[in-house]
Protein backbone atom coordinates (compact mmCIF):
# COMPACT_ATOMS: atom_id res chain seq x y z
CA MET A 1 131.18 399.92 221.57
CA ILE A 2 132.23 402.66 219.47
CA HIS A 3 136.15 403.94 219.96
CA LEU A 4 136.06 408.19 219.50
CA ASN A 5 140.07 407.35 218.29
CA PRO A 6 139.69 409.27 214.72
CA VAL A 7 142.56 407.18 213.84
CA SER A 8 140.52 404.17 214.74
CA ASN A 9 137.41 405.05 213.38
CA PRO A 10 137.06 406.58 209.53
CA VAL A 11 133.79 407.98 210.35
CA VAL A 12 134.88 409.79 213.42
CA GLY A 13 137.50 410.88 211.75
CA LEU A 14 135.91 412.25 209.09
CA HIS A 15 133.90 414.33 211.00
CA VAL A 16 136.56 415.88 212.31
CA ARG A 17 138.50 416.97 209.69
CA LYS A 18 135.33 419.05 208.12
CA LEU A 19 135.46 420.52 211.69
CA MET A 20 138.94 421.38 211.41
CA THR A 21 137.90 422.78 208.10
CA ALA A 22 135.41 424.85 208.66
CA VAL A 23 137.04 426.19 211.61
CA ALA A 24 140.47 427.00 209.74
CA THR A 25 138.45 428.76 207.63
CA TRP A 26 136.18 430.87 210.01
CA ILE A 27 139.55 432.22 211.66
CA LEU A 28 141.11 433.23 208.30
CA ILE A 29 137.60 434.70 207.30
CA ALA A 30 136.66 436.58 210.59
CA LEU A 31 140.59 437.58 211.94
CA PRO A 32 140.75 440.42 208.62
CA LEU A 33 137.72 441.35 209.68
CA SER A 34 138.61 441.75 213.24
CA ARG A 35 141.30 443.85 212.79
CA SER A 36 139.37 445.95 210.90
CA CYS A 37 136.75 446.97 213.08
CA PRO A 38 139.17 449.68 214.69
CA ALA A 39 139.07 451.29 211.20
CA LEU A 40 136.01 451.17 210.20
CA ALA A 41 134.91 452.31 214.35
CA THR A 42 137.32 455.42 213.24
CA GLY A 43 136.36 456.06 210.05
CA THR A 44 132.43 456.43 211.02
CA GLU A 45 134.17 458.85 214.19
CA ALA A 46 135.76 460.89 211.14
CA ASP A 47 132.49 461.05 209.10
CA ALA A 48 130.51 461.92 212.00
CA LEU A 49 132.78 465.30 212.65
CA ARG A 50 133.23 465.97 208.95
CA ARG A 51 129.30 466.31 208.81
CA THR A 52 129.23 468.77 211.38
CA GLY A 53 130.96 471.44 209.45
CA TRP A 54 132.94 473.13 212.00
CA TRP A 55 136.11 472.34 210.62
CA LEU A 56 135.08 473.55 207.22
CA ASP A 57 137.88 475.98 207.01
CA PHE A 58 140.76 473.47 207.93
CA LEU A 59 140.27 470.99 205.67
CA THR A 60 139.47 473.13 202.91
CA SER A 61 143.87 473.44 203.12
CA HIS A 62 144.10 469.74 204.95
CA THR A 63 141.97 467.51 203.17
CA SER A 64 144.03 464.57 203.72
CA ALA A 65 144.07 465.27 207.61
CA SER A 66 143.51 462.18 210.02
CA HIS A 67 140.52 463.74 212.09
CA CYS A 68 142.97 462.96 215.21
CA THR A 69 145.15 465.77 213.81
CA TRP A 70 142.18 467.94 213.34
CA PRO A 71 142.16 471.28 215.73
CA GLY A 72 140.75 470.54 219.25
CA ILE A 73 140.22 466.64 218.74
CA SER A 74 142.36 463.92 220.80
CA CYS A 75 142.64 460.74 219.80
CA ASP A 76 143.78 457.33 221.66
CA ASP A 77 146.31 454.86 220.19
CA SER A 78 143.74 453.32 218.11
CA GLY A 79 142.55 456.48 216.44
CA SER A 80 139.14 456.78 218.93
CA VAL A 81 138.07 460.26 219.54
CA ILE A 82 138.68 460.97 223.04
CA GLU A 83 138.36 464.68 223.48
CA ILE A 84 136.96 467.58 221.29
CA ASN A 85 137.66 470.95 222.97
CA ILE A 86 136.87 473.82 221.41
CA GLN A 87 136.75 477.30 222.75
CA ARG A 88 136.45 480.63 221.64
CA GLY A 89 134.28 480.47 218.62
CA VAL A 90 137.61 479.18 216.59
CA TYR A 91 135.29 477.11 214.69
CA HIS A 92 131.71 477.17 212.91
CA ALA A 93 130.36 475.35 216.60
CA THR A 94 126.89 476.24 216.32
CA ASN A 95 124.59 473.91 217.34
CA LEU A 96 125.83 470.29 219.35
CA SER A 97 123.10 468.56 217.58
CA ASP A 98 124.52 468.72 214.71
CA MET A 99 126.95 466.24 216.24
CA ASP A 100 126.17 462.49 215.77
CA PHE A 101 127.51 461.44 219.21
CA SER A 102 126.20 457.96 218.99
CA VAL A 103 129.21 457.01 217.43
CA LEU A 104 131.60 458.68 219.96
CA ARG A 105 131.57 455.56 222.27
CA ASN A 106 135.24 456.10 223.70
CA LEU A 107 134.54 460.17 223.89
CA ALA A 108 135.73 460.90 227.88
CA SER A 109 136.20 464.59 227.65
CA LEU A 110 133.36 467.26 225.58
CA TRP A 111 134.83 470.83 225.96
CA PHE A 112 132.55 473.79 224.05
CA TYR A 113 133.52 477.12 226.42
CA ASP A 114 132.74 480.59 225.35
CA ASN A 115 131.25 479.53 221.84
CA TYR A 116 128.25 480.57 220.35
CA LEU A 117 126.39 477.40 220.65
CA HIS A 118 122.97 477.97 220.72
CA GLY A 119 119.84 475.10 220.92
CA ILE A 120 119.54 472.30 223.20
CA ILE A 121 121.63 470.32 225.31
CA PRO A 122 120.81 466.81 222.90
CA LEU A 123 119.81 463.61 224.74
CA GLN A 124 122.71 462.02 222.40
CA ILE A 125 125.23 463.03 225.18
CA CYS A 126 123.73 460.85 227.95
CA ALA A 127 124.54 457.78 225.64
CA LEU A 128 128.58 458.49 226.12
CA PRO A 129 129.37 456.33 228.75
CA LYS A 130 132.95 457.07 229.02
CA LEU A 131 132.48 461.17 229.59
CA ARG A 132 133.90 462.24 232.40
CA HIS A 133 134.36 465.90 231.69
CA LEU A 134 130.98 468.25 230.44
CA LYS A 135 132.05 471.60 229.97
CA LEU A 136 129.61 473.69 227.77
CA SER A 137 130.25 477.12 229.58
CA ARG A 138 129.59 481.17 228.08
CA ASN A 139 127.23 480.01 225.16
CA TYR A 140 123.71 480.73 224.34
CA LEU A 141 121.77 477.15 225.47
CA THR A 142 118.44 476.96 226.48
CA GLY A 143 116.40 474.37 227.28
CA GLU A 144 116.35 472.06 230.11
CA LEU A 145 119.46 470.26 232.36
CA PRO A 146 118.53 466.59 230.98
CA ILE A 147 117.50 463.90 233.19
CA CYS A 148 119.47 461.51 231.39
CA LEU A 149 122.89 463.15 232.76
CA ARG A 150 122.46 460.53 235.60
CA ASN A 151 123.26 457.85 233.85
CA LEU A 152 126.35 459.79 233.19
CA THR A 153 127.93 457.95 236.04
CA MET A 154 131.87 458.38 235.22
CA LEU A 155 131.63 462.52 235.42
CA GLU A 156 133.18 464.12 237.43
CA VAL A 157 133.02 467.63 235.51
CA ILE A 158 129.77 469.70 234.82
CA ASP A 159 130.40 473.14 234.14
CA ILE A 160 127.18 474.99 232.04
CA GLN A 161 128.10 477.99 233.89
CA SER A 162 126.05 481.56 231.72
CA ASN A 163 124.03 480.12 229.15
CA ASN A 164 119.71 480.29 229.72
CA ILE A 165 118.64 477.11 231.26
CA SER A 166 115.63 477.30 232.56
CA SER A 167 114.44 474.11 234.35
CA ARG A 168 115.17 472.96 237.58
CA ILE A 169 117.92 470.96 238.94
CA PRO A 170 116.99 466.79 238.31
CA PRO A 171 117.45 465.42 242.04
CA GLU A 172 118.99 462.59 239.31
CA LEU A 173 121.86 464.22 239.44
CA GLY A 174 122.50 462.91 243.00
CA ASN A 175 123.63 459.49 241.43
CA LEU A 176 126.71 461.00 239.78
CA LYS A 177 129.18 460.17 242.55
CA LYS A 178 132.86 461.19 240.94
CA LEU A 179 131.82 464.69 240.52
CA TRP A 180 133.79 467.10 241.94
CA TYR A 181 133.11 470.22 240.03
CA LEU A 182 129.78 471.49 239.16
CA ASP A 183 128.90 474.59 238.26
CA LEU A 184 125.32 476.15 237.26
CA SER A 185 125.75 479.92 237.73
CA PHE A 186 124.16 482.24 235.44
CA ASN A 187 121.42 480.98 233.99
CA LEU A 188 117.82 481.14 234.49
CA LEU A 189 117.31 477.87 236.55
CA ARG A 190 114.71 477.99 239.60
CA GLY A 191 113.35 476.16 242.45
CA PRO A 192 115.00 474.54 245.80
CA ILE A 193 118.34 472.89 245.62
CA PRO A 194 117.03 469.11 245.80
CA PRO A 195 118.39 467.10 248.57
CA THR A 196 119.92 464.35 246.98
CA LEU A 197 122.69 466.27 246.08
CA GLY A 198 123.85 465.40 249.87
CA LYS A 199 125.00 462.80 247.85
CA LEU A 200 127.87 464.13 245.87
CA THR A 201 130.46 463.19 248.77
CA ASN A 202 133.38 464.10 246.68
CA LEU A 203 131.74 467.57 245.54
CA ALA A 204 135.01 470.16 245.70
CA TYR A 205 133.15 473.06 243.92
CA LEU A 206 129.57 473.99 243.73
CA SER A 207 128.09 476.98 241.97
CA MET A 208 125.00 478.23 241.63
CA GLN A 209 125.18 482.18 241.66
CA GLY A 210 123.31 484.17 239.19
CA ASN A 211 120.34 482.22 238.98
CA GLU A 212 115.91 481.76 240.41
CA PHE A 213 116.76 479.75 243.21
CA SER A 214 114.29 479.20 245.68
CA GLY A 215 113.81 477.61 248.99
CA SER A 216 115.93 477.13 251.42
CA ILE A 217 119.25 475.51 251.51
CA PRO A 218 119.31 471.79 252.97
CA SER A 219 120.43 470.36 255.68
CA ALA A 220 121.81 467.53 253.58
CA ILE A 221 124.83 470.38 252.37
CA GLY A 222 126.33 469.14 255.33
CA ASN A 223 127.73 465.89 253.84
CA LEU A 224 129.49 467.52 251.88
CA LYS A 225 132.74 466.82 253.87
CA SER A 226 135.32 467.84 250.66
CA LEU A 227 133.13 471.08 249.56
CA ILE A 228 135.63 473.82 249.01
CA GLU A 229 133.74 476.64 247.33
CA LEU A 230 130.17 476.87 247.96
CA ARG A 231 128.86 480.09 246.02
CA LEU A 232 125.14 480.69 246.28
CA ARG A 233 124.70 484.29 245.57
CA SER A 234 122.49 486.65 243.40
CA ASN A 235 119.11 483.99 243.93
CA SER A 236 116.18 484.19 246.05
CA PHE A 237 116.98 481.43 248.45
CA ILE A 238 115.24 482.06 252.07
CA GLY A 239 115.75 481.04 255.91
CA HIS A 240 118.50 480.20 257.95
CA ILE A 241 122.01 478.81 257.62
CA PRO A 242 121.40 475.32 258.47
CA LEU A 243 123.94 474.52 261.50
CA GLU A 244 125.34 471.65 259.39
CA ILE A 245 127.06 474.31 257.37
CA GLY A 246 129.52 473.74 260.19
CA LYS A 247 130.92 470.18 259.04
CA LEU A 248 131.96 471.41 256.33
CA THR A 249 135.72 471.73 257.30
CA ASN A 250 137.63 472.67 254.47
CA LEU A 251 134.95 474.97 252.96
CA ALA A 252 137.40 478.17 251.88
CA TYR A 253 134.86 479.99 250.04
CA LEU A 254 131.37 480.63 251.10
CA SER A 255 129.28 483.05 248.96
CA MET A 256 125.72 483.69 249.88
CA GLU A 257 125.33 487.64 249.50
CA ALA A 258 122.30 489.25 247.64
CA ASN A 259 119.63 486.77 248.57
CA GLU A 260 116.27 487.03 251.36
CA PHE A 261 118.46 484.92 254.00
CA ASN A 262 117.85 485.89 257.90
CA GLY A 263 117.99 484.85 261.31
CA SER A 264 121.43 485.01 262.87
CA ILE A 265 124.63 483.46 261.92
CA PRO A 266 125.50 479.77 263.49
CA SER A 267 128.08 479.69 266.10
CA ALA A 268 129.05 476.21 264.15
CA ILE A 269 130.46 478.50 261.13
CA GLY A 270 133.26 479.09 263.12
CA ASN A 271 134.61 475.37 263.03
CA SER A 272 135.09 475.39 259.40
CA LYS A 273 138.58 477.13 259.77
CA SER A 274 139.59 476.84 256.96
CA LEU A 275 137.60 479.47 255.34
CA ILE A 276 139.47 482.56 253.25
CA GLU A 277 136.15 484.39 251.92
CA LEU A 278 133.00 485.01 253.61
CA SER A 279 130.28 487.56 251.83
CA LEU A 280 126.48 487.22 253.58
CA ARG A 281 126.33 491.05 252.25
CA SER A 282 122.60 492.18 250.93
CA ASN A 283 120.42 489.89 253.32
CA SER A 284 118.16 490.13 256.53
CA PHE A 285 120.51 488.43 258.90
CA SER A 286 120.18 489.80 262.53
CA GLY A 287 121.48 489.77 265.72
CA PRO A 288 125.03 489.87 267.02
CA ILE A 289 127.55 488.35 265.28
CA PRO A 290 129.22 485.24 266.74
CA SER A 291 132.06 485.49 268.71
CA SER A 292 133.42 481.79 267.05
CA LEU A 293 134.09 483.90 263.74
CA ALA A 294 137.05 484.70 265.90
CA HIS A 295 138.17 481.31 265.50
CA LEU A 296 138.54 481.80 261.61
CA THR A 297 141.97 483.12 261.26
CA SER A 298 142.85 482.24 257.54
CA LEU A 299 140.06 484.88 256.83
CA ARG A 300 141.07 487.44 254.18
CA VAL A 301 137.49 488.49 253.15
CA LEU A 302 134.65 489.02 255.88
CA ASP A 303 131.43 491.02 254.09
CA LEU A 304 128.77 491.35 256.22
CA GLY A 305 127.30 494.46 254.93
CA ASN A 306 123.31 495.74 253.86
CA ASN A 307 121.79 492.86 257.18
CA GLU A 308 120.50 493.59 260.35
CA PHE A 309 123.51 492.55 262.36
CA ASP A 310 123.36 495.19 265.57
CA GLY A 311 124.82 495.26 269.08
CA ALA A 312 128.53 496.03 270.19
CA PHE A 313 131.30 495.74 267.54
CA PRO A 314 132.63 492.69 268.21
CA SER A 315 136.26 493.52 269.23
CA LYS A 316 137.53 489.61 268.73
CA LEU A 317 137.34 490.48 264.94
CA GLY A 318 141.10 491.38 265.53
CA ASN A 319 141.96 488.14 265.96
CA LEU A 320 141.61 487.88 262.30
CA LYS A 321 145.23 488.50 261.53
CA SER A 322 145.05 487.70 257.71
CA LEU A 323 141.97 489.85 256.87
CA THR A 324 142.86 492.55 254.08
CA HIS A 325 138.86 492.89 253.46
CA LEU A 326 136.32 494.25 256.39
CA ASP A 327 132.77 495.14 255.44
CA LEU A 328 130.75 495.41 258.26
CA SER A 329 128.73 498.86 256.89
CA SER A 330 125.03 499.47 256.20
CA ASN A 331 124.23 497.32 260.08
CA TYR A 332 123.01 498.68 263.44
CA PHE A 333 126.23 497.88 264.91
CA SER A 334 126.70 500.42 268.32
CA GLY A 335 129.54 501.14 270.39
CA LYS A 336 132.88 502.11 270.02
CA ILE A 337 135.22 501.05 267.45
CA PRO A 338 137.91 498.68 269.10
CA LEU A 339 141.14 499.54 269.21
CA GLU A 340 141.88 495.32 267.68
CA LEU A 341 141.74 496.42 264.43
CA GLY A 342 144.26 498.29 264.46
CA SER A 343 146.59 494.77 265.06
CA LEU A 344 145.08 493.79 261.21
CA VAL A 345 148.17 494.81 259.54
CA MET A 346 146.83 493.05 256.19
CA LEU A 347 143.79 495.08 256.29
CA ASN A 348 143.62 497.44 252.92
CA TYR A 349 139.69 497.74 252.84
CA LEU A 350 137.92 499.02 255.89
CA ASP A 351 134.20 500.01 255.66
CA LEU A 352 131.94 500.76 258.60
CA HIS A 353 129.68 503.25 256.78
CA ASN A 354 125.54 503.49 258.20
CA ASN A 355 126.24 502.53 261.25
CA SER A 356 125.44 503.83 265.32
CA LEU A 357 129.12 503.72 265.89
CA HIS A 358 130.17 506.63 268.19
CA GLY A 359 133.15 507.80 270.44
CA SER A 360 136.65 508.55 268.62
CA ILE A 361 138.59 507.00 265.43
CA PRO A 362 141.50 504.79 266.96
CA ASN A 363 145.06 505.95 265.42
CA PHE A 364 145.82 503.37 263.19
CA LYS A 365 149.12 503.16 263.20
CA LYS A 366 150.25 499.82 261.73
CA LEU A 367 147.36 499.33 259.19
CA PHE A 368 149.80 500.79 256.22
CA SER A 369 148.23 498.70 254.30
CA LEU A 370 145.06 500.59 254.03
CA GLU A 371 143.82 501.81 250.88
CA PHE A 372 140.04 502.40 251.49
CA ILE A 373 138.25 503.20 254.65
CA ASP A 374 134.67 504.81 255.08
CA LEU A 375 133.03 505.40 258.37
CA SER A 376 130.52 507.31 257.29
CA CYS A 377 126.78 508.50 258.49
CA ASN A 378 128.27 507.10 262.00
CA HIS A 379 127.95 509.23 265.45
CA LEU A 380 131.68 509.62 265.73
CA THR A 381 133.43 512.52 267.41
CA ARG A 382 136.41 514.30 268.00
CA GLU A 383 139.64 514.30 265.78
CA ILE A 384 139.95 512.62 262.36
CA PRO A 385 143.67 510.92 263.21
CA ILE A 386 146.11 512.66 260.70
CA ASN A 387 147.61 509.22 259.24
CA LEU A 388 144.26 508.48 257.97
CA PHE A 389 144.48 511.34 255.54
CA ASN A 390 147.12 509.47 253.99
CA VAL A 391 144.71 506.48 252.79
CA ARG A 392 144.49 506.78 249.13
CA GLU A 393 140.25 506.65 249.24
CA ARG A 394 138.65 507.83 252.77
CA ASP A 395 135.07 509.07 253.36
CA PHE A 396 134.14 510.39 257.37
CA HIS A 397 131.84 512.66 256.36
CA GLY A 398 127.68 512.61 258.30
CA ASN A 399 129.79 512.30 261.88
CA GLU A 400 128.36 515.51 263.63
CA GLY A 401 131.15 515.74 265.94
CA LEU A 402 134.14 514.71 264.40
CA GLY A 403 136.34 517.51 263.90
CA GLY A 404 139.18 518.25 261.30
CA THR A 405 139.69 518.50 257.89
CA ASP A 406 137.29 515.87 256.55
CA GLY A 407 139.55 514.27 253.98
CA SER A 408 136.81 513.02 252.03
CA ARG A 409 137.66 512.18 248.35
CA ARG A 410 133.98 511.70 247.57
CA THR A 411 132.33 514.42 246.18
CA SER A 412 129.08 515.26 245.18
CA THR A 413 128.54 516.04 241.57
CA VAL A 414 125.82 518.13 241.95
CA ALA A 415 127.74 519.91 245.27
CA LEU A 416 130.59 520.38 242.36
CA MET A 417 127.74 521.89 240.55
CA GLY A 418 126.93 524.35 242.70
CA LEU A 419 123.36 523.56 243.19
CA ILE A 420 123.65 522.32 247.10
CA PRO A 421 125.95 524.07 249.67
CA LEU A 422 128.76 521.64 250.72
CA MET A 423 128.26 521.65 253.95
CA ALA A 424 124.85 520.16 253.39
CA ILE A 425 126.21 517.21 251.72
CA PRO A 426 126.89 514.95 254.63
CA VAL A 427 123.55 514.74 256.17
CA ILE A 428 121.68 514.58 252.70
CA SER A 429 123.55 512.00 251.93
CA CYS A 430 123.33 509.72 254.93
CA LEU A 431 119.58 510.72 254.44
CA VAL A 432 119.93 508.96 250.94
CA LEU A 433 121.29 505.95 252.86
CA ALA A 434 119.10 505.47 255.95
CA TYR A 435 116.08 506.09 253.12
CA GLY A 436 117.49 503.47 251.54
CA PHE A 437 118.01 501.19 254.00
CA ILE A 438 114.43 501.76 255.29
CA LEU A 439 112.99 501.29 251.98
CA ARG A 440 114.61 497.63 251.85
CA LEU A 441 113.64 496.73 255.44
CA ARG A 442 109.33 497.39 254.50
C-alpha cells in the first residue's frame, strides 16, 4: 500500500513541496495585480472622459486633477464613476456618442439637462447594468427611443422631454418594473400607448404631452395604482376615458386637454379622491357632468372648457371647497348659475362664458379671492351685482338682458380705433365665438 504522508513517502513529499512553491509564487504575482485592477479600471474611465473633450476648459487649468474631482463627476470609494451630471450647457458636451460608455460599468446616474446635445441616444447606454437615472431633457436629440433600454432593469427614471425623438414607444419598456418616473413630453413620438406600460406598477409620474400620439387610452392604465400625475395633453388621442381610470386612487393631476376624446366623463372618476387638478378642455366630451365630481373635495383646478357638455349647471360643484380655478366656458350648459358657487371661498378664477345660462347673476359676496370672472355671451338678465365690479378682470358683455354698468376691462382694439361702435362689440364678439365653436364641431 502507498502512503500519502509526505514525511514517510519522499516521492510524494517532493511533489507536495513543488506544488506549494508554485502556489506561493502565483499568489505573490496575482495579489499585486488584483490590487491594481481598480486602478486600471478607473484609469480607463478617466481616459474615456478625457477623450470626449467635454472638460477641455477645466483640464487646461487643472492638468493633474483626478477625474473624480472634475465638475459633474461623482465616484465611489474605489474611484469608479457613478454619476455624470452636466447641466445648462456649462461644458462642451455636444454628442453622447463622444463618450465610450462601455467602460463606465458602475454608472448609476446620467444627467444631461438643458445642454446642446445633438445626435441619437447611443446604444452603448443600454450596456450600463447599474444605470438608475437617465435624464436627457431639453436637448436636440433625434432618432428613436432605443428598444434595448429594456435591458436596463435597474432604471427608475427616464426623462427625455423636449427633444426631437420621433419613434413609437417600444412595448419593451414595460419590462422596467422599477421605473417610477417616465417623461416623454414635447417630442415627435407617435402611435398608440402600448398596453405593456400597464406593467409599470411603480410608476408615479407619466407625461406624454406635446407629441403626436394617437389611438385610445388602453384599459391597462388602471393597473398603475401608484400613479400621481398623468399628463397627456396636446396629442391626437381619441375615444372615451376608460372606466379603469377610477382605479387610480392616488392620482392627483390628470391633464388630457387638446386631444380628440369624446363621450361622457365616467362617474368612476369620482373614486380618484386625491385629484387636485382635472383638465379635459378642448376635446369633444359631451353629456352632463357626473355628480360624482362632487366627491373630489381636494380639487383645486377644474377645467372642462371648450367641449360639448350640456344640461343644467351642476350645483353640486359647490361642494368643492378647495377650488381656486373653475372653467366651464364654451359648452352648452343651460339654466341658472347656482347659488352654491358662492360657497367656493377659495375661488380666484371663474369662466362660464359662451354657454346658454340665463337668469340673474348671484351676489357672490363671499368670493373675496376672485380676480377673474367671465360670464360673457350667455342670456343673463337683471343687474350686475355691484361687488363684482371690484374683480380685477371681469367680462359680462353679450348678455342682452343684463343691466347696469358693464364693468368689462376687455375692449376691442378696433373699437378703440373708432372703426366699430362700442355698442356692437358684445354682439360681434359673441358671434365670432359662436362661429369658431361651430367650425370646431364640423
